Amino acid sequence: MIEILRLIVWAFNLALIGRVVMSFVSPRGNDPISNLFYQITEPVLGPIRRFLPNTGMIDLSPMVALIVVNLIVDRLLRVL
């Protein structure tokens, strides 16, 4: 169970990093890889983005998501 949770978090972290990289490579996001990363990460990034102040062209929500998701999972794994 713990290894499955770690694998899911690892895959989510890769998807977040992939989304950030693809935003530089393909800013319009109309390729299949960008769409996949968007579908995986947007359910987490959307609510975070609503709470963050508007910083213009810089989106800080992936960085916040990486920190928050990993902190939550780390605390959860310590309890288990």
PDB file of N, CA and C in Angstrom:
ATOM      1  N   MET A   1       0.826  -1.198   0.000  1.00  0.00           N
ATOM      2  CA  MET A   1       0.000   0.000   0.000  1.00  0.00           C
ATOM      3  C   MET A   1       0.869   1.259   0.000  1.00  0.00           C
ATOM      4  N   ILE A   2       1.886   1.275   0.836  1.00  0.00           N
ATOM      5  CA  ILE A   2       2.755   2.446   0.927  1.00  0.00           C
ATOM      6  C   ILE A   2       3.529   2.642  -0.368  1.00  0.00           C
ATOM      7  N   GLU A   3       3.986   1.560  -0.950  1.00  0.00           N
ATOM      8  CA  GLU A   3       4.741   1.669  -2.208  1.00  0.00           C
ATOM      9  C   GLU A   3       3.853   2.173  -3.345  1.00  0.00           C
ATOM     10  N   ILE A   4       2.592   1.779  -3.351  1.00  0.00           N
ATOM     11  CA  ILE A   4       1.666   2.262  -4.384  1.00  0.00           C
ATOM     12  C   ILE A   4       1.452   3.758  -4.227  1.00  0.00           C
ATOM     13  N   LEU A   5       1.290   4.221  -2.993  1.00  0.00           N
ATOM     14  CA  LEU A   5       1.120   5.648  -2.742  1.00  0.00           C
ATOM     15  C   LEU A   5       2.359   6.428  -3.172  1.00  0.00           C
ATOM     16  N   ARG A   6       3.526   5.919  -2.874  1.00  0.00           N
ATOM     17  CA  ARG A   6       4.768   6.578  -3.303  1.00  0.00           C
ATOM     18  C   ARG A   6       4.872   6.628  -4.813  1.00  0.00           C
ATOM     19  N   LEU A   7       4.469   5.565  -5.478  1.00  0.00           N
ATOM     20  CA  LEU A   7       4.500   5.525  -6.935  1.00  0.00           C
ATOM     21  C   LEU A   7       3.541   6.551  -7.543  1.00  0.00           C
ATOM     22  N   ILE A   8       2.366   6.679  -6.965  1.00  0.00           N
ATOM     23  CA  ILE A   8       1.387   7.655  -7.445  1.00  0.00           C
ATOM     24  C   ILE A   8       1.921   9.074  -7.263  1.00  0.00           C
ATOM     25  N   VAL A   9       2.505   9.358  -6.120  1.00  0.00           N
ATOM     26  CA  VAL A   9       3.051  10.696  -5.860  1.00  0.00           C
ATOM     27  C   VAL A   9       4.232  10.970  -6.786  1.00  0.00           C
ATOM     28  N   TRP A  10       5.071   9.976  -7.016  1.00  0.00           N
ATOM     29  CA  TRP A  10       6.201  10.133  -7.928  1.00  0.00           C
ATOM     30  C   TRP A  10       5.708  10.448  -9.344  1.00  0.00           C
ATOM     31  N   ALA A  11       4.673   9.722  -9.798  1.00  0.00           N
ATOM     32  CA  ALA A  11       4.108   9.960 -11.131  1.00  0.00           C
ATOM     33  C   ALA A  11       3.476  11.340 -11.213  1.00  0.00           C
ATOM     34  N   PHE A  12       2.805  11.768 -10.143  1.00  0.00           N
ATOM     35  CA  PHE A  12       2.201  13.099 -10.134  1.00  0.00           C
ATOM     36  C   PHE A  12       3.279  14.175 -10.175  1.00  0.00           C
ATOM     37  N   ASN A  13       4.361  13.982  -9.423  1.00  0.00           N
ATOM     38  CA  ASN A  13       5.468  14.934  -9.455  1.00  0.00           C
ATOM     39  C   ASN A  13       6.063  15.030 -10.862  1.00  0.00           C
ATOM     40  N   LEU A  14       6.218  13.900 -11.524  1.00  0.00           N
ATOM     41  CA  LEU A  14       6.729  13.910 -12.896  1.00  0.00           C
ATOM     42  C   LEU A  14       5.768  14.639 -13.835  1.00  0.00           C
ATOM     43  N   ALA A  15       4.474  14.435 -13.639  1.00  0.00           N
ATOM     44  CA  ALA A  15       3.487  15.120 -14.474  1.00  0.00           C
ATOM     45  C   ALA A  15       3.537  16.633 -14.256  1.00  0.00           C
ATOM     46  N   LEU A  16       3.719  17.054 -12.999  1.00  0.00           N
ATOM     47  CA  LEU A  16       3.846  18.490 -12.718  1.00  0.00           C
ATOM     48  C   LEU A  16       5.079  19.074 -13.386  1.00  0.00           C
ATOM     49  N   ILE A  17       6.199  18.399 -13.248  1.00  0.00           N
ATOM     50  CA  ILE A  17       7.426  18.880 -13.874  1.00  0.00           C
ATOM     51  C   ILE A  17       7.282  18.867 -15.394  1.00  0.00           C
ATOM     52  N   GLY A  18       6.656  17.821 -15.915  1.00  0.00           N
ATOM     53  CA  GLY A  18       6.410  17.755 -17.354  1.00  0.00           C
ATOM     54  C   GLY A  18       5.532  18.882 -17.837  1.00  0.00           C
ATOM     55  N   ARG A  19       4.529  19.238 -17.054  1.00  0.00           N
ATOM     56  CA  ARG A  19       3.644  20.348 -17.444  1.00  0.00           C
ATOM     57  C   ARG A  19       4.409  21.658 -17.477  1.00  0.00           C
ATOM     58  N   VAL A  20       5.268  21.873 -16.504  1.00  0.00           N
ATOM     59  CA  VAL A  20       6.060  23.110 -16.476  1.00  0.00           C
ATOM     60  C   VAL A  20       6.994  23.165 -17.686  1.00  0.00           C
ATOM     61  N   VAL A  21       7.670  22.067 -17.965  1.00  0.00           N
ATOM     62  CA  VAL A  21       8.590  22.035 -19.110  1.00  0.00           C
ATOM     63  C   VAL A  21       7.823  22.234 -20.415  1.00  0.00           C
ATOM     64  N   MET A  22       6.695  21.570 -20.556  1.00  0.00           N
ATOM     65  CA  MET A  22       5.915  21.703 -21.787  1.00  0.00           C
ATOM     66  C   MET A  22       5.344  23.104 -21.957  1.00  0.00           C
ATOM     67  N   SER A  23       5.144  23.828 -20.861  1.00  0.00           N
ATOM     68  CA  SER A  23       4.646  25.200 -21.001  1.00  0.00           C
ATOM     69  C   SER A  23       5.690  26.100 -21.661  1.00  0.00           C
ATOM     70  N   PHE A  24       6.961  25.726 -21.573  1.00  0.00           N
ATOM     71  CA  PHE A  24       8.011  26.468 -22.274  1.00  0.00           C
ATOM     72  C   PHE A  24       8.198  25.952 -23.692  1.00  0.00           C
ATOM     73  N   VAL A  25       8.101  24.647 -23.869  1.00  0.00           N
ATOM     74  CA  VAL A  25       8.331  24.033 -25.180  1.00  0.00           C
ATOM     75  C   VAL A  25       7.146  24.271 -26.113  1.00  0.00           C
ATOM     76  N   SER A  26       5.955  24.078 -25.607  1.00  0.00           N
ATOM     77  CA  SER A  26       4.734  24.234 -26.398  1.00  0.00           C
ATOM     78  C   SER A  26       3.742  25.087 -25.610  1.00  0.00           C
ATOM     79  N   PRO A  27       3.904  26.417 -25.648  1.00  0.00           N
ATOM     80  CA  PRO A  27       3.081  27.286 -24.802  1.00  0.00           C
ATOM     81  C   PRO A  27       1.575  27.199 -25.074  1.00  0.00           C
ATOM     82  N   ARG A  28       1.192  26.907 -26.295  1.00  0.00           N
ATOM     83  CA  ARG A  28      -0.242  26.813 -26.593  1.00  0.00           C
ATOM     84  C   ARG A  28      -0.862  25.550 -26.035  1.00  0.00           C
ATOM     85  N   GLY A  29      -0.076  24.517 -25.882  1.00  0.00           N
ATOM     86  CA  GLY A  29      -0.551  23.290 -25.259  1.00  0.00           C
ATOM     87  C   GLY A  29      -1.511  22.479 -26.102  1.00  0.00           C
ATOM     88  N   ASN A  30      -1.395  22.564 -27.432  1.00  0.00           N
ATOM     89  CA  ASN A  30      -2.326  21.796 -28.258  1.00  0.00           C
ATOM     90  C   ASN A  30      -1.706  20.499 -28.783  1.00  0.00           C
ATOM     91  N   ASP A  31      -0.782  19.925 -28.062  1.00  0.00           N
ATOM     92  CA  ASP A  31      -0.236  18.622 -28.432  1.00  0.00           C
ATOM     93  C   ASP A  31      -0.706  17.589 -27.402  1.00  0.00           C
ATOM     94  N   PRO A  32      -0.682  16.312 -27.746  1.00  0.00           N
ATOM     95  CA  PRO A  32      -1.229  15.272 -26.852  1.00  0.00           C
ATOM     96  C   PRO A  32      -0.527  15.178 -25.495  1.00  0.00           C
ATOM     97  N   ILE A  33       0.772  15.397 -25.453  1.00  0.00           N
ATOM     98  CA  ILE A  33       1.496  15.290 -24.178  1.00  0.00           C
ATOM     99  C   ILE A  33       1.066  16.399 -23.225  1.00  0.00           C
ATOM    100  N   SER A  34       0.961  17.622 -23.745  1.00  0.00           N
ATOM    101  CA  SER A  34       0.512  18.735 -22.899  1.00  0.00           C
ATOM    102  C   SER A  34      -0.894  18.501 -22.386  1.00  0.00           C
ATOM    103  N   ASN A  35      -1.767  17.972 -23.240  1.00  0.00           N
ATOM    104  CA  ASN A  35      -3.136  17.685 -22.811  1.00  0.00           C
ATOM    105  C   ASN A  35      -3.166  16.630 -21.706  1.00  0.00           C
ATOM    106  N   LEU A  36      -2.315  15.613 -21.826  1.00  0.00           N
ATOM    107  CA  LEU A  36      -2.242  14.578 -20.795  1.00  0.00           C
ATOM    108  C   LEU A  36      -1.787  15.173 -19.462  1.00  0.00           C
ATOM    109  N   PHE A  37      -0.709  15.954 -19.501  1.00  0.00           N
ATOM    110  CA  PHE A  37      -0.222  16.586 -18.268  1.00  0.00           C
ATOM    111  C   PHE A  37      -1.280  17.504 -17.668  1.00  0.00           C
ATOM    112  N   TYR A  38      -2.014  18.229 -18.523  1.00  0.00           N
ATOM    113  CA  TYR A  38      -3.062  19.128 -18.050  1.00  0.00           C
ATOM    114  C   TYR A  38      -4.149  18.334 -17.332  1.00  0.00           C
ATOM    115  N   GLN A  39      -4.595  17.237 -17.927  1.00  0.00           N
ATOM    116  CA  GLN A  39      -5.663  16.443 -17.327  1.00  0.00           C
ATOM    117  C   GLN A  39      -5.245  15.823 -16.000  1.00  0.00           C
ATOM    118  N   ILE A  40      -3.985  15.471 -15.881  1.00  0.00           N
ATOM    119  CA  ILE A  40      -3.504  14.851 -14.639  1.00  0.00           C
ATOM    120  C   ILE A  40      -3.355  15.883 -13.524  1.00  0.00           C
ATOM    121  N   THR A  41      -2.836  17.072 -13.854  1.00  0.00           N
ATOM    122  CA  THR A  41      -2.453  18.036 -12.820  1.00  0.00           C
ATOM    123  C   THR A  41      -3.503  19.104 -12.514  1.00  0.00           C
ATOM    124  N   GLU A  42      -4.374  19.398 -13.442  1.00  0.00           N
ATOM    125  CA  GLU A  42      -5.312  20.510 -13.240  1.00  0.00           C
ATOM    126  C   GLU A  42      -6.251  20.327 -12.048  1.00  0.00           C
ATOM    127  N   PRO A  43      -6.711  19.105 -11.721  1.00  0.00           N
ATOM    128  CA  PRO A  43      -7.564  18.970 -10.528  1.00  0.00           C
ATOM    129  C   PRO A  43      -6.888  19.438  -9.237  1.00  0.00           C
ATOM    130  N   VAL A  44      -5.568  19.407  -9.178  1.00  0.00           N
ATOM    131  CA  VAL A  44      -4.842  19.892  -8.001  1.00  0.00           C
ATOM    132  C   VAL A  44      -4.451  21.353  -8.169  1.00  0.00           C
ATOM    133  N   LEU A  45      -4.007  21.739  -9.361  1.00  0.00           N
ATOM    134  CA  LEU A  45      -3.517  23.101  -9.579  1.00  0.00           C
ATOM    135  C   LEU A  45      -4.636  24.136  -9.589  1.00  0.00           C
ATOM    136  N   GLY A  46      -5.801  23.768 -10.095  1.00  0.00           N
ATOM    137  CA  GLY A  46      -6.916  24.718 -10.178  1.00  0.00           C
ATOM    138  C   GLY A  46      -7.292  25.326  -8.824  1.00  0.00           C
ATOM    139  N   PRO A  47      -7.581  24.491  -7.814  1.00  0.00           N
ATOM    140  CA  PRO A  47      -7.919  25.057  -6.502  1.00  0.00           C
ATOM    141  C   PRO A  47      -6.767  25.843  -5.864  1.00  0.00           C
ATOM    142  N   ILE A  48      -5.537  25.398  -6.072  1.00  0.00           N
ATOM    143  CA  ILE A  48      -4.394  26.134  -5.515  1.00  0.00           C
ATOM    144  C   ILE A  48      -4.285  27.498  -6.159  1.00  0.00           C
ATOM    145  N   ARG A  49      -4.513  27.565  -7.463  1.00  0.00           N
ATOM    146  CA  ARG A  49      -4.405  28.815  -8.210  1.00  0.00           C
ATOM    147  C   ARG A  49      -5.413  29.857  -7.715  1.00  0.00           C
ATOM    148  N   ARG A  50      -6.570  29.404  -7.243  1.00  0.00           N
ATOM    149  CA  ARG A  50      -7.590  30.340  -6.747  1.00  0.00           C
ATOM    150  C   ARG A  50      -7.145  31.054  -5.476  1.00  0.00           C
ATOM    151  N   PHE A  51      -6.281  30.409  -4.688  1.00  0.00           N
ATOM    152  CA  PHE A  51      -5.841  31.001  -3.433  1.00  0.00           C
ATOM    153  C   PHE A  51      -4.578  31.842  -3.568  1.00  0.00           C
ATOM    154  N   LEU A  52      -3.836  31.645  -4.635  1.00  0.00           N
ATOM    155  CA  LEU A  52      -2.593  32.391  -4.831  1.00  0.00           C
ATOM    156  C   LEU A  52      -2.874  33.765  -5.434  1.00  0.00           C
ATOM    157  N   PRO A  53      -2.075  34.758  -5.076  1.00  0.00           N
ATOM    158  CA  PRO A  53      -2.252  36.075  -5.701  1.00  0.00           C
ATOM    159  C   PRO A  53      -1.834  36.019  -7.173  1.00  0.00           C
ATOM    160  N   ASN A  54      -2.424  36.883  -7.974  1.00  0.00           N
ATOM    161  CA  ASN A  54      -2.104  36.951  -9.395  1.00  0.00           C
ATOM    162  C   ASN A  54      -0.694  37.512  -9.565  1.00  0.00           C
ATOM    163  N   THR A  55       0.182  36.731 -10.188  1.00  0.00           N
ATOM    164  CA  THR A  55       1.568  37.166 -10.390  1.00  0.00           C
ATOM    165  C   THR A  55       1.860  37.403 -11.868  1.00  0.00           C
ATOM    166  N   GLY A  56       0.825  37.597 -12.666  1.00  0.00           N
ATOM    167  CA  GLY A  56       1.022  37.873 -14.081  1.00  0.00           C
ATOM    168  C   GLY A  56       1.337  36.607 -14.850  1.00  0.00           C
ATOM    169  N   MET A  57       2.461  36.617 -15.545  1.00  0.00           N
ATOM    170  CA  MET A  57       2.827  35.504 -16.417  1.00  0.00           C
ATOM    171  C   MET A  57       3.410  34.310 -15.650  1.00  0.00           C
ATOM    172  N   ILE A  58       3.753  34.483 -14.400  1.00  0.00           N
ATOM    173  CA  ILE A  58       4.389  33.417 -13.626  1.00  0.00           C
ATOM    174  C   ILE A  58       3.330  32.674 -12.822  1.00  0.00           C
ATOM    175  N   ASP A  59       3.245  31.371 -13.035  1.00  0.00           N
ATOM    176  CA  ASP A  59       2.299  30.532 -12.311  1.00  0.00           C
ATOM    177  C   ASP A  59       3.057  29.766 -11.229  1.00  0.00           C
ATOM    178  N   LEU A  60       2.784  30.114  -9.986  1.00  0.00           N
ATOM    179  CA  LEU A  60       3.472  29.480  -8.867  1.00  0.00           C
ATOM    180  C   LEU A  60       2.762  28.239  -8.349  1.00  0.00           C
ATOM    181  N   SER A  61       1.604  27.924  -8.903  1.00  0.00           N
ATOM    182  CA  SER A  61       0.827  26.801  -8.383  1.00  0.00           C
ATOM    183  C   SER A  61       1.539  25.446  -8.515  1.00  0.00           C
ATOM    184  N   PRO A  62       2.320  25.159  -9.575  1.00  0.00           N
ATOM    185  CA  PRO A  62       3.020  23.868  -9.580  1.00  0.00           C
ATOM    186  C   PRO A  62       4.024  23.721  -8.439  1.00  0.00           C
ATOM    187  N   MET A  63       4.717  24.806  -8.099  1.00  0.00           N
ATOM    188  CA  MET A  63       5.679  24.749  -7.001  1.00  0.00           C
ATOM    189  C   MET A  63       4.952  24.514  -5.672  1.00  0.00           C
ATOM    190  N   VAL A  64       3.845  25.209  -5.472  1.00  0.00           N
ATOM    191  CA  VAL A  64       3.068  25.031  -4.249  1.00  0.00           C
ATOM    192  C   VAL A  64       2.514  23.607  -4.186  1.00  0.00           C
ATOM    193  N   ALA A  65       2.033  23.094  -5.319  1.00  0.00           N
ATOM    194  CA  ALA A  65       1.484  21.737  -5.351  1.00  0.00           C
ATOM    195  C   ALA A  65       2.552  20.702  -5.015  1.00  0.00           C
ATOM    196  N   LEU A  66       3.747  20.866  -5.562  1.00  0.00           N
ATOM    197  CA  LEU A  66       4.836  19.935  -5.249  1.00  0.00           C
ATOM    198  C   LEU A  66       5.108  19.902  -3.742  1.00  0.00           C
ATOM    199  N   ILE A  67       5.186  21.068  -3.153  1.00  0.00           N
ATOM    200  CA  ILE A  67       5.476  21.155  -1.719  1.00  0.00           C
ATOM    201  C   ILE A  67       4.344  20.572  -0.887  1.00  0.00           C
ATOM    202  N   VAL A  68       3.116  20.989  -1.169  1.00  0.00           N
ATOM    203  CA  VAL A  68       1.973  20.579  -0.359  1.00  0.00           C
ATOM    204  C   VAL A  68       1.703  19.075  -0.497  1.00  0.00           C
ATOM    205  N   VAL A  69       1.685  18.577  -1.720  1.00  0.00           N
ATOM    206  CA  VAL A  69       1.409  17.144  -1.918  1.00  0.00           C
ATOM    207  C   VAL A  69       2.471  16.296  -1.238  1.00  0.00           C
ATOM    208  N   ASN A  70       3.728  16.672  -1.401  1.00  0.00           N
ATOM    209  CA  ASN A  70       4.792  15.882  -0.778  1.00  0.00           C
ATOM    210  C   ASN A  70       4.780  15.988   0.741  1.00  0.00           C
ATOM    211  N   LEU A  71       4.436  17.138   1.298  1.00  0.00           N
ATOM    212  CA  LEU A  71       4.315  17.258   2.752  1.00  0.00           C
ATOM    213  C   LEU A  71       3.178  16.402   3.288  1.00  0.00           C
ATOM    214  N   ILE A  72       2.042  16.436   2.620  1.00  0.00           N
ATOM    215  CA  ILE A  72       0.895  15.654   3.067  1.00  0.00           C
ATOM    216  C   ILE A  72       1.212  14.162   3.021  1.00  0.00           C
ATOM    217  N   VAL A  73       1.792  13.715   1.920  1.00  0.00           N
ATOM    218  CA  VAL A  73       2.109  12.294   1.790  1.00  0.00           C
ATOM    219  C   VAL A  73       3.181  11.885   2.791  1.00  0.00           C
ATOM    220  N   ASP A  74       4.160  12.743   3.025  1.00  0.00           N
ATOM    221  CA  ASP A  74       5.198  12.436   4.002  1.00  0.00           C
ATOM    222  C   ASP A  74       4.597  12.267   5.388  1.00  0.00           C
ATOM    223  N   ARG A  75       3.703  13.169   5.764  1.00  0.00           N
ATOM    224  CA  ARG A  75       3.033  13.059   7.081  1.00  0.00           C
ATOM    225  C   ARG A  75       2.172  11.801   7.150  1.00  0.00           C
ATOM    226  N   LEU A  76       1.490  11.503   6.063  1.00  0.00           N
ATOM    227  CA  LEU A  76       0.643  10.314   6.026  1.00  0.00           C
ATOM    228  C   LEU A  76       1.474   9.050   6.160  1.00  0.00           C
ATOM    229  N   LEU A  77       2.601   9.006   5.486  1.00  0.00           N
ATOM    230  CA  LEU A  77       3.458   7.813   5.567  1.00  0.00           C
ATOM    231  C   LEU A  77       4.071   7.641   6.951  1.00  0.00           C
ATOM    232  N   ARG A  78       4.306   8.740   7.638  1.00  0.00           N
ATOM    233  CA  ARG A  78       4.820   8.629   9.010  1.00  0.00           C
ATOM    234  C   ARG A  78       3.793   8.043   9.953  1.00  0.00           C
ATOM    235  N   VAL A  79       2.526   8.328   9.691  1.00  0.00           N
ATOM    236  CA  VAL A  79       1.449   7.781  10.533  1.00  0.00           C
ATOM    237  C   VAL A  79       1.285   6.298  10.263  1.00  0.00           C
ATOM    238  N   LEU A  80       1.385   5.923   8.987  1.00  0.00           N
ATOM    239  CA  LEU A  80       1.231   4.504   8.649  1.00  0.00           C
ATOM    240  C   LEU A  80       2.454   3.768   9.075  1.00  0.00           C
TER     241      LEU A  80
END
